[in-house]
Amino acid sequence: MDMNTFFNDLQNKISQAVQNSPAKDIEKNVKSMMTQGFSKLDLVTREEFDVQTQVLAKTRAKLETLETRLAELEAKAAPKSDIII
């Protein structure tokens, strides 16, 4: 028996033992409790977070563009005080 076969057999036996033990029920109960707990929290999905991150990045870029444009317009509209007395 080579080492790969030995470890695969060991892994299978451990998996079977865990599935037939109370540990599997505990895992199911913990997952259920966590799912219930998370559903009560005000959480967003990763997808929603990524979409909002993209919206924020676009908004920031547009704001920077508008700030630059406003500065240019203000510079053009400012009275020139080049008169020396």
C-alpha atoms as a PDB file:
ATOM      1  CA  MET A   1       0.000   0.000   0.000  1.00  0.00           C
ATOM      2  CA  ASP A   2       1.519   3.306  -1.022  1.00  0.00           C
ATOM      3  CA  MET A   3       1.298   6.486   1.091  1.00  0.00           C
ATOM      4  CA  ASN A   4      -1.369   8.167  -1.087  1.00  0.00           C
ATOM      5  CA  THR A   5      -3.680   5.181  -0.741  1.00  0.00           C
ATOM      6  CA  PHE A   6      -3.038   5.055   3.009  1.00  0.00           C
ATOM      7  CA  PHE A   7      -3.872   8.759   3.489  1.00  0.00           C
ATOM      8  CA  ASN A   8      -6.925   8.560   1.217  1.00  0.00           C
ATOM      9  CA  ASP A   9      -8.240   5.575   3.182  1.00  0.00           C
ATOM     10  CA  LEU A  10      -7.532   7.351   6.466  1.00  0.00           C
ATOM     11  CA  GLN A  11      -9.326  10.474   5.253  1.00  0.00           C
ATOM     12  CA  ASN A  12     -12.345   8.437   4.143  1.00  0.00           C
ATOM     13  CA  LYS A  13     -12.517   6.608   7.472  1.00  0.00           C
ATOM     14  CA  ILE A  14     -12.302   9.874   9.419  1.00  0.00           C
ATOM     15  CA  SER A  15     -15.020  11.435   7.236  1.00  0.00           C
ATOM     16  CA  GLN A  16     -17.283   8.430   7.808  1.00  0.00           C
ATOM     17  CA  ALA A  17     -16.649   8.533  11.537  1.00  0.00           C
ATOM     18  CA  VAL A  18     -17.466  12.237  11.722  1.00  0.00           C
ATOM     19  CA  GLN A  19     -20.669  11.795   9.682  1.00  0.00           C
ATOM     20  CA  ASN A  20     -21.819   8.983  11.956  1.00  0.00           C
ATOM     21  CA  SER A  21     -20.942  10.827  15.155  1.00  0.00           C
ATOM     22  CA  PRO A  22     -22.652  13.564  17.138  1.00  0.00           C
ATOM     23  CA  ALA A  23     -20.078  15.978  15.672  1.00  0.00           C
ATOM     24  CA  LYS A  24     -22.084  16.121  12.436  1.00  0.00           C
ATOM     25  CA  ASP A  25     -25.229  17.080  14.374  1.00  0.00           C
ATOM     26  CA  ILE A  26     -23.275  19.693  16.300  1.00  0.00           C
ATOM     27  CA  GLU A  27     -21.968  21.139  13.030  1.00  0.00           C
ATOM     28  CA  LYS A  28     -25.515  21.337  11.620  1.00  0.00           C
ATOM     29  CA  ASN A  29     -26.800  22.998  14.794  1.00  0.00           C
ATOM     30  CA  VAL A  30     -23.957  25.531  14.873  1.00  0.00           C
ATOM     31  CA  LYS A  31     -24.513  26.405  11.208  1.00  0.00           C
ATOM     32  CA  SER A  32     -28.229  26.831  11.863  1.00  0.00           C
ATOM     33  CA  MET A  33     -27.620  29.081  14.879  1.00  0.00           C
ATOM     34  CA  MET A  34     -25.093  31.172  12.972  1.00  0.00           C
ATOM     35  CA  THR A  35     -27.463  31.539  10.017  1.00  0.00           C
ATOM     36  CA  GLN A  36     -30.222  32.718  12.336  1.00  0.00           C
ATOM     37  CA  GLY A  37     -27.859  35.125  14.096  1.00  0.00           C
ATOM     38  CA  PHE A  38     -26.584  36.586  10.832  1.00  0.00           C
ATOM     39  CA  SER A  39     -30.116  37.014   9.483  1.00  0.00           C
ATOM     40  CA  LYS A  40     -30.929  39.262  12.469  1.00  0.00           C
ATOM     41  CA  LEU A  41     -27.951  41.515  11.780  1.00  0.00           C
ATOM     42  CA  ASP A  42     -28.022  44.321   9.241  1.00  0.00           C
ATOM     43  CA  LEU A  43     -25.416  42.837   6.892  1.00  0.00           C
ATOM     44  CA  VAL A  44     -24.831  43.238   3.182  1.00  0.00           C
ATOM     45  CA  THR A  45     -23.660  40.599   0.779  1.00  0.00           C
ATOM     46  CA  ARG A  46     -20.226  40.776  -0.790  1.00  0.00           C
ATOM     47  CA  GLU A  47     -21.868  41.491  -4.144  1.00  0.00           C
ATOM     48  CA  GLU A  48     -23.800  44.463  -2.721  1.00  0.00           C
ATOM     49  CA  PHE A  49     -20.630  45.765  -1.077  1.00  0.00           C
ATOM     50  CA  ASP A  50     -18.672  45.524  -4.335  1.00  0.00           C
ATOM     51  CA  VAL A  51     -21.412  47.340  -6.258  1.00  0.00           C
ATOM     52  CA  GLN A  52     -21.473  50.165  -3.715  1.00  0.00           C
ATOM     53  CA  THR A  53     -17.671  50.380  -3.834  1.00  0.00           C
ATOM     54  CA  GLN A  54     -17.841  50.851  -7.607  1.00  0.00           C
ATOM     55  CA  VAL A  55     -20.571  53.488  -7.262  1.00  0.00           C
ATOM     56  CA  LEU A  56     -18.474  55.342  -4.692  1.00  0.00           C
ATOM     57  CA  ALA A  57     -15.379  55.238  -6.924  1.00  0.00           C
ATOM     58  CA  LYS A  58     -17.357  56.672  -9.856  1.00  0.00           C
ATOM     59  CA  THR A  59     -18.845  59.359  -7.619  1.00  0.00           C
ATOM     60  CA  ARG A  60     -15.417  60.353  -6.319  1.00  0.00           C
ATOM     61  CA  ALA A  61     -14.025  60.584  -9.850  1.00  0.00           C
ATOM     62  CA  LYS A  62     -16.929  62.754 -10.963  1.00  0.00           C
ATOM     63  CA  LEU A  63     -16.549  64.978  -7.885  1.00  0.00           C
ATOM     64  CA  GLU A  64     -12.848  65.495  -8.612  1.00  0.00           C
ATOM     65  CA  THR A  65     -13.681  66.408 -12.216  1.00  0.00           C
ATOM     66  CA  LEU A  66     -16.339  68.882 -11.095  1.00  0.00           C
ATOM     67  CA  GLU A  67     -14.023  70.428  -8.486  1.00  0.00           C
ATOM     68  CA  THR A  68     -11.347  70.971 -11.134  1.00  0.00           C
ATOM     69  CA  ARG A  69     -13.874  72.479 -13.525  1.00  0.00           C
ATOM     70  CA  LEU A  70     -15.239  74.777 -10.804  1.00  0.00           C
ATOM     71  CA  ALA A  71     -11.736  75.969  -9.933  1.00  0.00           C
ATOM     72  CA  GLU A  72     -11.099  76.783 -13.606  1.00  0.00           C
ATOM     73  CA  LEU A  73     -14.376  78.697 -13.908  1.00  0.00           C
ATOM     74  CA  GLU A  74     -13.703  80.614 -10.690  1.00  0.00           C
ATOM     75  CA  ALA A  75     -10.236  81.529 -11.945  1.00  0.00           C
ATOM     76  CA  LYS A  76     -11.698  82.874 -15.195  1.00  0.00           C
ATOM     77  CA  ALA A  77     -14.417  84.840 -13.409  1.00  0.00           C
ATOM     78  CA  ALA A  78     -12.154  86.371 -10.766  1.00  0.00           C
ATOM     79  CA  PRO A  79     -11.433  90.088 -11.297  1.00  0.00           C
ATOM     80  CA  LYS A  80      -7.926  90.727 -12.493  1.00  0.00           C
ATOM     81  CA  SER A  81      -5.983  92.935 -10.097  1.00  0.00           C
ATOM     82  CA  ASP A  82      -2.953  93.577 -12.251  1.00  0.00           C
ATOM     83  CA  ILE A  83      -3.199  97.383 -11.818  1.00  0.00           C
ATOM     84  CA  ILE A  84      -0.156  98.810 -10.003  1.00  0.00           C
ATOM     85  CA  ILE A  85      -0.622 102.043  -8.075  1.00  0.00           C
END
